[in-house]
């Protein structure tokens, strides 16, 4: 299990280095990097979620898909409560603990998780990957939205949070993909190819975007902060272990393994943008992303090897 994960991570690290070089050479500005994030979340990822569901219907797979959605939401809730409790134990302010808890469960499922699952399980595993992506997206715009806004002035109403959770391109694309899967609808070749070409840019652009974030980080200052290591330890190791134990009550086989790996991915690259949106600490969010992303090169192969055996 560990070997394909290591090889995939090395490929992703190379792409991140390209992003660092582009930013350092000023070929890719911060504004352009944010543009990459928009292209990813509004074009590449939605297209990818439809493409992943272009396969023959199977009642067993669909049942596993729905079960994975439910268990994913449960694990996100458990993780958020755990991080919130740890933040309060560390005597963080309400604003800080909100970012700590929300960021702890807002993992890089979309940008880093998919290529890892593809390397480990092929296209069959990507169906469950879509289930996790869809559920994490809903969790982001509901629970995480509330957490990021704690102690700030940019709070949103419950109605607006629910609207943002379900009325967005990622949710729409997941629903379209599931509809096509359940009714065995095959898209016409021109549409399929257009979606496929767009989806194929997901990994490359996402890793370059993460690289631009890392290039802007003050490495020496960040590595002296103990909190980022606490954050990374619980995100990269404790959460997947808990997922294996609790999630194993409801799931098994490939569905469980996919969920364990995805819950062990580092903080999402878009975390700083969401922190800024809700008036939280964008700099602190970038530090969480930086350290957890670097350490995941070590932890993800361990998670795959010791938690995802058949």
C-alpha atoms as a PDB file:
ATOM      1  CA  UNK A   1       0.000   0.000   0.000  1.00  0.00           C
ATOM      2  CA  UNK A   2       2.727   2.466   0.941  1.00  0.00           C
ATOM      3  CA  UNK A   3       4.712   2.261  -2.311  1.00  0.00           C
ATOM      4  CA  UNK A   4       2.078   3.729  -4.697  1.00  0.00           C
ATOM      5  CA  UNK A   5       1.284   6.417  -2.116  1.00  0.00           C
ATOM      6  CA  UNK A   6       4.967   7.368  -1.795  1.00  0.00           C
ATOM      7  CA  UNK A   7       5.389   7.529  -5.574  1.00  0.00           C
ATOM      8  CA  UNK A   8       2.246   9.639  -5.938  1.00  0.00           C
ATOM      9  CA  UNK A   9       3.340  11.968  -3.146  1.00  0.00           C
ATOM     10  CA  UNK A  10       6.757  12.412  -4.791  1.00  0.00           C
ATOM     11  CA  UNK A  11       5.007  13.399  -8.016  1.00  0.00           C
ATOM     12  CA  UNK A  12       2.874  15.879  -6.101  1.00  0.00           C
ATOM     13  CA  UNK A  13       5.912  17.295  -4.314  1.00  0.00           C
ATOM     14  CA  UNK A  14       7.575  17.918  -7.691  1.00  0.00           C
ATOM     15  CA  UNK A  15       4.497  19.828  -8.836  1.00  0.00           C
ATOM     16  CA  UNK A  16       4.494  21.821  -5.570  1.00  0.00           C
ATOM     17  CA  UNK A  17       8.163  22.723  -6.162  1.00  0.00           C
ATOM     18  CA  UNK A  18       7.176  24.017  -9.601  1.00  0.00           C
ATOM     19  CA  UNK A  19       4.589  26.232  -7.902  1.00  0.00           C
ATOM     20  CA  UNK A  20       7.217  27.499  -5.451  1.00  0.00           C
ATOM     21  CA  UNK A  21       9.614  28.332  -8.297  1.00  0.00           C
ATOM     22  CA  UNK A  22       6.903  30.099 -10.304  1.00  0.00           C
ATOM     23  CA  UNK A  23       6.006  32.232  -7.281  1.00  0.00           C
ATOM     24  CA  UNK A  24       9.613  32.983  -6.329  1.00  0.00           C
ATOM     25  CA  UNK A  25      10.412  34.002  -9.913  1.00  0.00           C
ATOM     26  CA  UNK A  26       7.235  36.119  -9.888  1.00  0.00           C
ATOM     27  CA  UNK A  27       5.872  34.305 -12.927  1.00  0.00           C
ATOM     28  CA  UNK A  28       2.788  33.479 -10.872  1.00  0.00           C
ATOM     29  CA  UNK A  29       1.535  36.252  -8.602  1.00  0.00           C
ATOM     30  CA  UNK A  30      -0.636  35.793  -5.531  1.00  0.00           C
ATOM     31  CA  UNK A  31      -3.643  37.091  -7.474  1.00  0.00           C
ATOM     32  CA  UNK A  32      -3.017  34.605 -10.298  1.00  0.00           C
ATOM     33  CA  UNK A  33      -2.638  31.798  -7.745  1.00  0.00           C
ATOM     34  CA  UNK A  34      -6.069  32.611  -6.342  1.00  0.00           C
ATOM     35  CA  UNK A  35      -7.315  32.476  -9.928  1.00  0.00           C
ATOM     36  CA  UNK A  36      -6.014  28.912 -10.126  1.00  0.00           C
ATOM     37  CA  UNK A  37      -8.036  28.079  -7.017  1.00  0.00           C
ATOM     38  CA  UNK A  38     -11.179  29.463  -8.664  1.00  0.00           C
ATOM     39  CA  UNK A  39     -10.579  27.425 -11.838  1.00  0.00           C
ATOM     40  CA  UNK A  40     -10.100  24.307  -9.707  1.00  0.00           C
ATOM     41  CA  UNK A  41     -13.167  24.687  -7.512  1.00  0.00           C
ATOM     42  CA  UNK A  42     -15.508  25.970 -10.218  1.00  0.00           C
ATOM     43  CA  UNK A  43     -14.365  24.019 -13.284  1.00  0.00           C
ATOM     44  CA  UNK A  44     -11.914  21.154 -12.763  1.00  0.00           C
ATOM     45  CA  UNK A  45     -13.349  19.598  -9.593  1.00  0.00           C
ATOM     46  CA  UNK A  46     -17.038  19.748 -10.665  1.00  0.00           C
ATOM     47  CA  UNK A  47     -16.130  18.219 -14.048  1.00  0.00           C
ATOM     48  CA  UNK A  48     -14.133  15.536 -12.293  1.00  0.00           C
ATOM     49  CA  UNK A  49     -17.019  14.543 -10.027  1.00  0.00           C
ATOM     50  CA  UNK A  50     -19.266  13.951 -13.048  1.00  0.00           C
ATOM     51  CA  UNK A  51     -16.589  11.982 -14.904  1.00  0.00           C
ATOM     52  CA  UNK A  52     -15.922   9.723 -11.916  1.00  0.00           C
ATOM     53  CA  UNK A  53     -19.551   8.576 -11.894  1.00  0.00           C
ATOM     54  CA  UNK A  54     -19.605   7.646 -15.592  1.00  0.00           C
ATOM     55  CA  UNK A  55     -19.837   3.892 -15.067  1.00  0.00           C
ATOM     56  CA  UNK A  56     -22.357   1.064 -15.091  1.00  0.00           C
ATOM     57  CA  UNK A  57     -24.843   1.115 -12.218  1.00  0.00           C
ATOM     58  CA  UNK A  58     -24.350  -1.250  -9.312  1.00  0.00           C
ATOM     59  CA  UNK A  59     -26.769  -1.377  -6.372  1.00  0.00           C
ATOM     60  CA  UNK A  60     -23.974  -2.536  -4.080  1.00  0.00           C
ATOM     61  CA  UNK A  61     -21.703   0.354  -5.044  1.00  0.00           C
ATOM     62  CA  UNK A  62     -24.539   2.869  -4.699  1.00  0.00           C
ATOM     63  CA  UNK A  63     -25.352   1.558  -1.218  1.00  0.00           C
ATOM     64  CA  UNK A  64     -21.683   1.943  -0.291  1.00  0.00           C
ATOM     65  CA  UNK A  65     -21.723   5.458  -1.729  1.00  0.00           C
ATOM     66  CA  UNK A  66     -24.617   6.536   0.513  1.00  0.00           C
ATOM     67  CA  UNK A  67     -23.124   4.833   3.565  1.00  0.00           C
ATOM     68  CA  UNK A  68     -19.802   6.583   2.925  1.00  0.00           C
ATOM     69  CA  UNK A  69     -21.578   9.948   2.820  1.00  0.00           C
ATOM     70  CA  UNK A  70     -23.193   9.314   6.204  1.00  0.00           C
ATOM     71  CA  UNK A  71     -20.043   8.035   7.916  1.00  0.00           C
ATOM     72  CA  UNK A  72     -17.980  10.906   6.473  1.00  0.00           C
ATOM     73  CA  UNK A  73     -20.302  13.473   8.036  1.00  0.00           C
ATOM     74  CA  UNK A  74     -20.184  11.615  11.353  1.00  0.00           C
ATOM     75  CA  UNK A  75     -16.379  11.575  11.365  1.00  0.00           C
ATOM     76  CA  UNK A  76     -16.210  15.276  10.487  1.00  0.00           C
ATOM     77  CA  UNK A  77     -18.497  16.067  13.434  1.00  0.00           C
ATOM     78  CA  UNK A  78     -16.412  13.945  15.817  1.00  0.00           C
ATOM     79  CA  UNK A  79     -13.219  15.560  14.540  1.00  0.00           C
ATOM     80  CA  UNK A  80     -14.586  19.092  14.949  1.00  0.00           C
ATOM     81  CA  UNK A  81     -15.623  18.394  18.555  1.00  0.00           C
ATOM     82  CA  UNK A  82     -12.201  16.915  19.319  1.00  0.00           C
ATOM     83  CA  UNK A  83     -10.297  19.859  17.838  1.00  0.00           C
ATOM     84  CA  UNK A  84     -12.580  22.338  19.593  1.00  0.00           C
ATOM     85  CA  UNK A  85     -11.893  20.650  22.944  1.00  0.00           C
ATOM     86  CA  UNK A  86      -8.133  20.661  22.323  1.00  0.00           C
ATOM     87  CA  UNK A  87      -8.236  24.328  21.366  1.00  0.00           C
ATOM     88  CA  UNK A  88     -10.034  25.212  24.587  1.00  0.00           C
ATOM     89  CA  UNK A  89      -7.490  23.166  26.573  1.00  0.00           C
ATOM     90  CA  UNK A  90      -4.749  25.228  24.911  1.00  0.00           C
ATOM     91  CA  UNK A  91      -6.623  28.353  26.074  1.00  0.00           C
ATOM     92  CA  UNK A  92      -7.115  29.685  22.560  1.00  0.00           C
ATOM     93  CA  UNK A  93      -9.413  32.619  21.927  1.00  0.00           C
ATOM     94  CA  UNK A  94     -12.830  31.914  20.389  1.00  0.00           C
ATOM     95  CA  UNK A  95     -11.578  33.110  17.018  1.00  0.00           C
ATOM     96  CA  UNK A  96      -8.479  30.879  17.209  1.00  0.00           C
ATOM     97  CA  UNK A  97     -10.307  27.781  18.385  1.00  0.00           C
ATOM     98  CA  UNK A  98     -12.861  28.175  15.562  1.00  0.00           C
ATOM     99  CA  UNK A  99     -10.097  28.146  12.956  1.00  0.00           C
ATOM    100  CA  UNK A 100      -8.315  25.289  14.747  1.00  0.00           C
ATOM    101  CA  UNK A 101     -11.465  23.128  14.825  1.00  0.00           C
ATOM    102  CA  UNK A 102     -12.725  23.986  11.345  1.00  0.00           C
ATOM    103  CA  UNK A 103      -9.301  23.664   9.748  1.00  0.00           C
ATOM    104  CA  UNK A 104      -8.686  20.358  11.506  1.00  0.00           C
ATOM    105  CA  UNK A 105     -11.507  18.649   9.625  1.00  0.00           C
ATOM    106  CA  UNK A 106     -11.354  20.711   6.422  1.00  0.00           C
ATOM    107  CA  UNK A 107      -8.808  18.385   4.841  1.00  0.00           C
ATOM    108  CA  UNK A 108      -7.333  18.486   1.348  1.00  0.00           C
ATOM    109  CA  UNK A 109      -9.730  15.799   0.146  1.00  0.00           C
ATOM    110  CA  UNK A 110     -10.306  17.322  -3.290  1.00  0.00           C
ATOM    111  CA  UNK A 111      -6.775  18.312  -4.322  1.00  0.00           C
ATOM    112  CA  UNK A 112      -4.590  15.657  -2.650  1.00  0.00           C
ATOM    113  CA  UNK A 113      -7.010  12.832  -1.904  1.00  0.00           C
ATOM    114  CA  UNK A 114      -8.132  11.965  -5.397  1.00  0.00           C
ATOM    115  CA  UNK A 115      -4.691  11.209  -6.930  1.00  0.00           C
ATOM    116  CA  UNK A 116      -3.794   9.104  -3.890  1.00  0.00           C
ATOM    117  CA  UNK A 117      -6.980   7.050  -4.152  1.00  0.00           C
ATOM    118  CA  UNK A 118      -6.422   6.620  -7.889  1.00  0.00           C
ATOM    119  CA  UNK A 119      -2.907   5.339  -7.228  1.00  0.00           C
ATOM    120  CA  UNK A 120      -4.089   2.923  -4.532  1.00  0.00           C
ATOM    121  CA  UNK A 121      -7.408   1.603  -5.842  1.00  0.00           C
ATOM    122  CA  UNK A 122      -7.886   2.826  -9.400  1.00  0.00           C
ATOM    123  CA  UNK A 123     -11.184   4.116 -10.758  1.00  0.00           C
ATOM    124  CA  UNK A 124     -13.276   1.873  -8.470  1.00  0.00           C
ATOM    125  CA  UNK A 125     -12.062   3.716  -5.391  1.00  0.00           C
ATOM    126  CA  UNK A 126     -12.853   7.105  -6.908  1.00  0.00           C
ATOM    127  CA  UNK A 127     -16.598   6.488  -6.558  1.00  0.00           C
ATOM    128  CA  UNK A 128     -16.236   6.573  -2.780  1.00  0.00           C
ATOM    129  CA  UNK A 129     -13.911   9.545  -3.194  1.00  0.00           C
ATOM    130  CA  UNK A 130     -16.824  11.477  -4.736  1.00  0.00           C
ATOM    131  CA  UNK A 131     -18.992  10.583  -1.730  1.00  0.00           C
ATOM    132  CA  UNK A 132     -16.392  11.982   0.669  1.00  0.00           C
ATOM    133  CA  UNK A 133     -15.870  15.112  -1.468  1.00  0.00           C
ATOM    134  CA  UNK A 134     -19.604  15.816  -1.602  1.00  0.00           C
ATOM    135  CA  UNK A 135     -20.086  15.359   2.151  1.00  0.00           C
ATOM    136  CA  UNK A 136     -17.015  17.383   3.110  1.00  0.00           C
ATOM    137  CA  UNK A 137     -18.266  20.188   0.876  1.00  0.00           C
ATOM    138  CA  UNK A 138     -21.604  20.240   2.720  1.00  0.00           C
ATOM    139  CA  UNK A 139     -19.792  20.138   6.068  1.00  0.00           C
ATOM    140  CA  UNK A 140     -17.524  23.002   4.993  1.00  0.00           C
ATOM    141  CA  UNK A 141     -20.370  25.374   4.205  1.00  0.00           C
ATOM    142  CA  UNK A 142     -22.374  24.492   7.325  1.00  0.00           C
ATOM    143  CA  UNK A 143     -20.384  23.482  10.413  1.00  0.00           C
ATOM    144  CA  UNK A 144     -17.008  24.896   9.300  1.00  0.00           C
ATOM    145  CA  UNK A 145     -18.696  28.119   8.202  1.00  0.00           C
ATOM    146  CA  UNK A 146     -20.034  28.526  11.738  1.00  0.00           C
ATOM    147  CA  UNK A 147     -16.651  27.672  13.310  1.00  0.00           C
ATOM    148  CA  UNK A 148     -14.642  30.064  11.119  1.00  0.00           C
ATOM    149  CA  UNK A 149     -17.002  32.879  12.053  1.00  0.00           C
ATOM    150  CA  UNK A 150     -16.717  32.413  15.838  1.00  0.00           C
ATOM    151  CA  UNK A 151     -15.578  35.572  17.551  1.00  0.00           C
ATOM    152  CA  UNK A 152     -15.694  37.518  14.279  1.00  0.00           C
ATOM    153  CA  UNK A 153     -17.984  39.994  12.582  1.00  0.00           C
ATOM    154  CA  UNK A 154     -18.595  38.071   9.352  1.00  0.00           C
ATOM    155  CA  UNK A 155     -21.127  35.552  10.634  1.00  0.00           C
ATOM    156  CA  UNK A 156     -23.760  34.210   8.268  1.00  0.00           C
ATOM    157  CA  UNK A 157     -27.371  33.309   8.880  1.00  0.00           C
ATOM    158  CA  UNK A 158     -28.443  29.666   9.045  1.00  0.00           C
ATOM    159  CA  UNK A 159     -30.438  30.104   5.834  1.00  0.00           C
ATOM    160  CA  UNK A 160     -27.464  31.473   3.951  1.00  0.00           C
ATOM    161  CA  UNK A 161     -25.185  28.701   5.236  1.00  0.00           C
ATOM    162  CA  UNK A 162     -27.636  26.030   4.102  1.00  0.00           C
ATOM    163  CA  UNK A 163     -27.986  27.699   0.708  1.00  0.00           C
ATOM    164  CA  UNK A 164     -24.206  27.810   0.227  1.00  0.00           C
ATOM    165  CA  UNK A 165     -23.899  24.195   1.392  1.00  0.00           C
ATOM    166  CA  UNK A 166     -26.191  22.807  -1.292  1.00  0.00           C
ATOM    167  CA  UNK A 167     -26.471  25.479  -4.003  1.00  0.00           C
ATOM    168  CA  UNK A 168     -22.971  25.305  -5.485  1.00  0.00           C
ATOM    169  CA  UNK A 169     -21.204  23.718  -8.426  1.00  0.00           C
ATOM    170  CA  UNK A 170     -19.620  20.879  -6.467  1.00  0.00           C
ATOM    171  CA  UNK A 171     -22.953  19.695  -5.068  1.00  0.00           C
ATOM    172  CA  UNK A 172     -24.680  20.141  -8.431  1.00  0.00           C
ATOM    173  CA  UNK A 173     -21.985  18.162 -10.221  1.00  0.00           C
ATOM    174  CA  UNK A 174     -22.155  15.376  -7.619  1.00  0.00           C
ATOM    175  CA  UNK A 175     -25.941  15.170  -8.035  1.00  0.00           C
ATOM    176  CA  UNK A 176     -25.605  15.084 -11.840  1.00  0.00           C
ATOM    177  CA  UNK A 177     -22.936  12.402 -11.573  1.00  0.00           C
ATOM    178  CA  UNK A 178     -25.043  10.239  -9.238  1.00  0.00           C
ATOM    179  CA  UNK A 179     -28.111  10.688 -11.470  1.00  0.00           C
ATOM    180  CA  UNK A 180     -26.144   9.524 -14.517  1.00  0.00           C
ATOM    181  CA  UNK A 181     -24.749   6.600 -12.525  1.00  0.00           C
ATOM    182  CA  UNK A 182     -28.115   5.409 -11.156  1.00  0.00           C
ATOM    183  CA  UNK A 183     -29.811   5.592 -14.578  1.00  0.00           C
ATOM    184  CA  UNK A 184     -26.709   4.410 -16.508  1.00  0.00           C
ATOM    185  CA  UNK A 185     -26.658   7.558 -18.641  1.00  0.00           C
ATOM    186  CA  UNK A 186     -23.606   7.830 -20.879  1.00  0.00           C
ATOM    187  CA  UNK A 187     -22.692  11.375 -21.876  1.00  0.00           C
ATOM    188  CA  UNK A 188     -22.141  12.172 -25.583  1.00  0.00           C
ATOM    189  CA  UNK A 189     -18.487  11.968 -26.629  1.00  0.00           C
ATOM    190  CA  UNK A 190     -17.904  15.747 -27.104  1.00  0.00           C
ATOM    191  CA  UNK A 191     -19.334  16.546 -23.643  1.00  0.00           C
ATOM    192  CA  UNK A 192     -17.500  13.656 -21.994  1.00  0.00           C
ATOM    193  CA  UNK A 193     -14.186  14.661 -23.593  1.00  0.00           C
ATOM    194  CA  UNK A 194     -14.618  18.313 -22.577  1.00  0.00           C
ATOM    195  CA  UNK A 195     -15.308  17.279 -18.984  1.00  0.00           C
ATOM    196  CA  UNK A 196     -12.424  14.777 -19.048  1.00  0.00           C
ATOM    197  CA  UNK A 197      -9.907  17.341 -20.309  1.00  0.00           C
ATOM    198  CA  UNK A 198     -11.000  19.780 -17.615  1.00  0.00           C
ATOM    199  CA  UNK A 199     -10.895  17.111 -14.909  1.00  0.00           C
ATOM    200  CA  UNK A 200      -7.368  16.075 -15.902  1.00  0.00           C
ATOM    201  CA  UNK A 201      -6.035  19.482 -14.815  1.00  0.00           C
ATOM    202  CA  UNK A 202      -7.123  18.968 -11.198  1.00  0.00           C
ATOM    203  CA  UNK A 203      -3.967  17.420  -9.752  1.00  0.00           C
ATOM    204  CA  UNK A 204      -1.436  19.580 -11.606  1.00  0.00           C
ATOM    205  CA  UNK A 205      -3.111  22.935 -10.903  1.00  0.00           C
ATOM    206  CA  UNK A 206      -3.920  22.099  -7.285  1.00  0.00           C
ATOM    207  CA  UNK A 207      -0.335  21.148  -6.443  1.00  0.00           C
ATOM    208  CA  UNK A 208       1.039  24.259  -8.145  1.00  0.00           C
ATOM    209  CA  UNK A 209      -1.439  26.340  -6.133  1.00  0.00           C
ATOM    210  CA  UNK A 210      -0.295  24.739  -2.877  1.00  0.00           C
ATOM    211  CA  UNK A 211       3.304  25.432  -3.937  1.00  0.00           C
ATOM    212  CA  UNK A 212       2.566  29.157  -4.258  1.00  0.00           C
ATOM    213  CA  UNK A 213       1.180  29.143  -0.698  1.00  0.00           C
ATOM    214  CA  UNK A 214       4.290  27.401   0.609  1.00  0.00           C
ATOM    215  CA  UNK A 215       6.553  29.878  -1.212  1.00  0.00           C
ATOM    216  CA  UNK A 216       4.966  32.774   0.661  1.00  0.00           C
ATOM    217  CA  UNK A 217       5.428  31.142   4.078  1.00  0.00           C
ATOM    218  CA  UNK A 218       8.071  32.163   6.612  1.00  0.00           C
ATOM    219  CA  UNK A 219       9.436  28.676   7.195  1.00  0.00           C
ATOM    220  CA  UNK A 220      11.804  29.465  10.049  1.00  0.00           C
ATOM    221  CA  UNK A 221       9.131  31.259  12.074  1.00  0.00           C
ATOM    222  CA  UNK A 222       6.470  28.625  11.427  1.00  0.00           C
ATOM    223  CA  UNK A 223       8.637  25.674  12.461  1.00  0.00           C
ATOM    224  CA  UNK A 224       9.169  27.198  15.917  1.00  0.00           C
ATOM    225  CA  UNK A 225       5.440  27.146  16.700  1.00  0.00           C
ATOM    226  CA  UNK A 226       4.315  24.083  18.696  1.00  0.00           C
ATOM    227  CA  UNK A 227       0.624  24.573  17.901  1.00  0.00           C
ATOM    228  CA  UNK A 228       1.100  23.749  14.207  1.00  0.00           C
ATOM    229  CA  UNK A 229       2.613  20.413  15.225  1.00  0.00           C
ATOM    230  CA  UNK A 230      -0.302  19.675  17.551  1.00  0.00           C
ATOM    231  CA  UNK A 231      -2.662  20.536  14.704  1.00  0.00           C
ATOM    232  CA  UNK A 232      -0.775  18.318  12.254  1.00  0.00           C
ATOM    233  CA  UNK A 233      -0.528  15.379  14.667  1.00  0.00           C
ATOM    234  CA  UNK A 234      -4.270  15.213  15.231  1.00  0.00           C
ATOM    235  CA  UNK A 235      -5.099  15.927  11.573  1.00  0.00           C
ATOM    236  CA  UNK A 236      -2.693  13.461   9.994  1.00  0.00           C
ATOM    237  CA  UNK A 237      -2.569  10.638  12.569  1.00  0.00           C
ATOM    238  CA  UNK A 238      -5.313  10.762  15.197  1.00  0.00           C
ATOM    239  CA  UNK A 239      -8.210  11.490  12.815  1.00  0.00           C
ATOM    240  CA  UNK A 240      -7.477   8.550  10.446  1.00  0.00           C
ATOM    241  CA  UNK A 241      -7.006   6.210  13.438  1.00  0.00           C
ATOM    242  CA  UNK A 242     -10.367   7.262  14.892  1.00  0.00           C
ATOM    243  CA  UNK A 243     -11.926   6.929  11.442  1.00  0.00           C
ATOM    244  CA  UNK A 244     -10.615   3.376  11.174  1.00  0.00           C
ATOM    245  CA  UNK A 245     -12.039   2.455  14.596  1.00  0.00           C
ATOM    246  CA  UNK A 246     -15.415   4.194  14.438  1.00  0.00           C
ATOM    247  CA  UNK A 247     -15.930   4.136  10.680  1.00  0.00           C
ATOM    248  CA  UNK A 248     -15.163   0.416  10.697  1.00  0.00           C
ATOM    249  CA  UNK A 249     -18.420  -0.153  12.596  1.00  0.00           C
ATOM    250  CA  UNK A 250     -20.394   1.047   9.557  1.00  0.00           C
ATOM    251  CA  UNK A 251     -18.066   0.480   6.575  1.00  0.00           C
ATOM    252  CA  UNK A 252     -15.589  -2.114   5.433  1.00  0.00           C
ATOM    253  CA  UNK A 253     -13.331  -2.936   2.495  1.00  0.00           C
ATOM    254  CA  UNK A 254     -12.485  -0.307  -0.079  1.00  0.00           C
ATOM    255  CA  UNK A 255     -15.071   2.235   1.134  1.00  0.00           C
ATOM    256  CA  UNK A 256     -13.530   2.290   4.616  1.00  0.00           C
ATOM    257  CA  UNK A 257      -9.962   2.446   3.318  1.00  0.00           C
ATOM    258  CA  UNK A 258     -10.785   5.356   1.007  1.00  0.00           C
ATOM    259  CA  UNK A 259     -12.373   7.276   3.884  1.00  0.00           C
ATOM    260  CA  UNK A 260      -9.403   6.589   6.196  1.00  0.00           C
ATOM    261  CA  UNK A 261      -6.894   7.878   3.632  1.00  0.00           C
ATOM    262  CA  UNK A 262      -8.924  10.966   2.786  1.00  0.00           C
ATOM    263  CA  UNK A 263      -9.449  11.852   6.448  1.00  0.00           C
ATOM    264  CA  UNK A 264      -5.665  11.663   6.859  1.00  0.00           C
ATOM    265  CA  UNK A 265      -4.889  14.276   4.203  1.00  0.00           C
ATOM    266  CA  UNK A 266      -3.458  17.650   5.325  1.00  0.00           C
ATOM    267  CA  UNK A 267      -5.338  20.913   5.780  1.00  0.00           C
ATOM    268  CA  UNK A 268      -6.969  22.083   2.554  1.00  0.00           C
ATOM    269  CA  UNK A 269      -5.104  24.526   0.349  1.00  0.00           C
ATOM    270  CA  UNK A 270      -8.172  26.777   0.287  1.00  0.00           C
ATOM    271  CA  UNK A 271      -8.240  27.100   4.101  1.00  0.00           C
ATOM    272  CA  UNK A 272      -6.553  30.551   4.131  1.00  0.00           C
ATOM    273  CA  UNK A 273      -9.116  31.897   1.652  1.00  0.00           C
ATOM    274  CA  UNK A 274     -12.028  30.673   3.766  1.00  0.00           C
ATOM    275  CA  UNK A 275     -10.404  32.031   6.936  1.00  0.00           C
ATOM    276  CA  UNK A 276     -10.094  35.466   5.326  1.00  0.00           C
ATOM    277  CA  UNK A 277     -13.687  35.288   4.069  1.00  0.00           C
ATOM    278  CA  UNK A 278     -14.967  34.928   7.634  1.00  0.00           C
ATOM    279  CA  UNK A 279     -12.616  37.506   9.141  1.00  0.00           C
ATOM    280  CA  UNK A 280     -10.334  34.906  10.679  1.00  0.00           C
ATOM    281  CA  UNK A 281      -6.512  34.658  10.677  1.00  0.00           C
ATOM    282  CA  UNK A 282      -5.409  33.934   7.095  1.00  0.00           C
ATOM    283  CA  UNK A 283      -1.736  33.810   8.116  1.00  0.00           C
ATOM    284  CA  UNK A 284      -2.382  31.192  10.798  1.00  0.00           C
ATOM    285  CA  UNK A 285      -4.422  29.149   8.326  1.00  0.00           C
ATOM    286  CA  UNK A 286      -1.504  29.210   5.865  1.00  0.00           C
ATOM    287  CA  UNK A 287       0.783  27.882   8.612  1.00  0.00           C
ATOM    288  CA  UNK A 288      -1.571  24.953   9.247  1.00  0.00           C
ATOM    289  CA  UNK A 289      -1.587  24.179   5.519  1.00  0.00           C
ATOM    290  CA  UNK A 290       2.197  24.457   5.186  1.00  0.00           C
ATOM    291  CA  UNK A 291       3.242  22.195   8.073  1.00  0.00           C
ATOM    292  CA  UNK A 292       0.530  19.567   7.637  1.00  0.00           C
ATOM    293  CA  UNK A 293       1.232  19.346   3.888  1.00  0.00           C
ATOM    294  CA  UNK A 294       4.960  18.801   4.440  1.00  0.00           C
ATOM    295  CA  UNK A 295       4.434  16.224   7.209  1.00  0.00           C
ATOM    296  CA  UNK A 296       1.814  14.356   5.178  1.00  0.00           C
ATOM    297  CA  UNK A 297       4.603  13.118   2.912  1.00  0.00           C
ATOM    298  CA  UNK A 298       5.645  10.968   5.896  1.00  0.00           C
ATOM    299  CA  UNK A 299       2.284  10.196   7.493  1.00  0.00           C
ATOM    300  CA  UNK A 300       0.143   9.291   4.468  1.00  0.00           C
ATOM    301  CA  UNK A 301       2.286   6.278   3.460  1.00  0.00           C
ATOM    302  CA  UNK A 302       2.123   5.109   7.097  1.00  0.00           C
ATOM    303  CA  UNK A 303      -1.655   5.485   7.135  1.00  0.00           C
ATOM    304  CA  UNK A 304      -1.916   3.539   3.866  1.00  0.00           C
ATOM    305  CA  UNK A 305       0.404   0.773   5.085  1.00  0.00           C
ATOM    306  CA  UNK A 306      -0.902   0.231   8.605  1.00  0.00           C
ATOM    307  CA  UNK A 307      -4.554   1.305   8.449  1.00  0.00           C
ATOM    308  CA  UNK A 308      -5.607   0.250   4.957  1.00  0.00           C
ATOM    309  CA  UNK A 309      -4.598  -3.384   4.741  1.00  0.00           C
ATOM    310  CA  UNK A 310      -7.203  -5.740   3.331  1.00  0.00           C
END
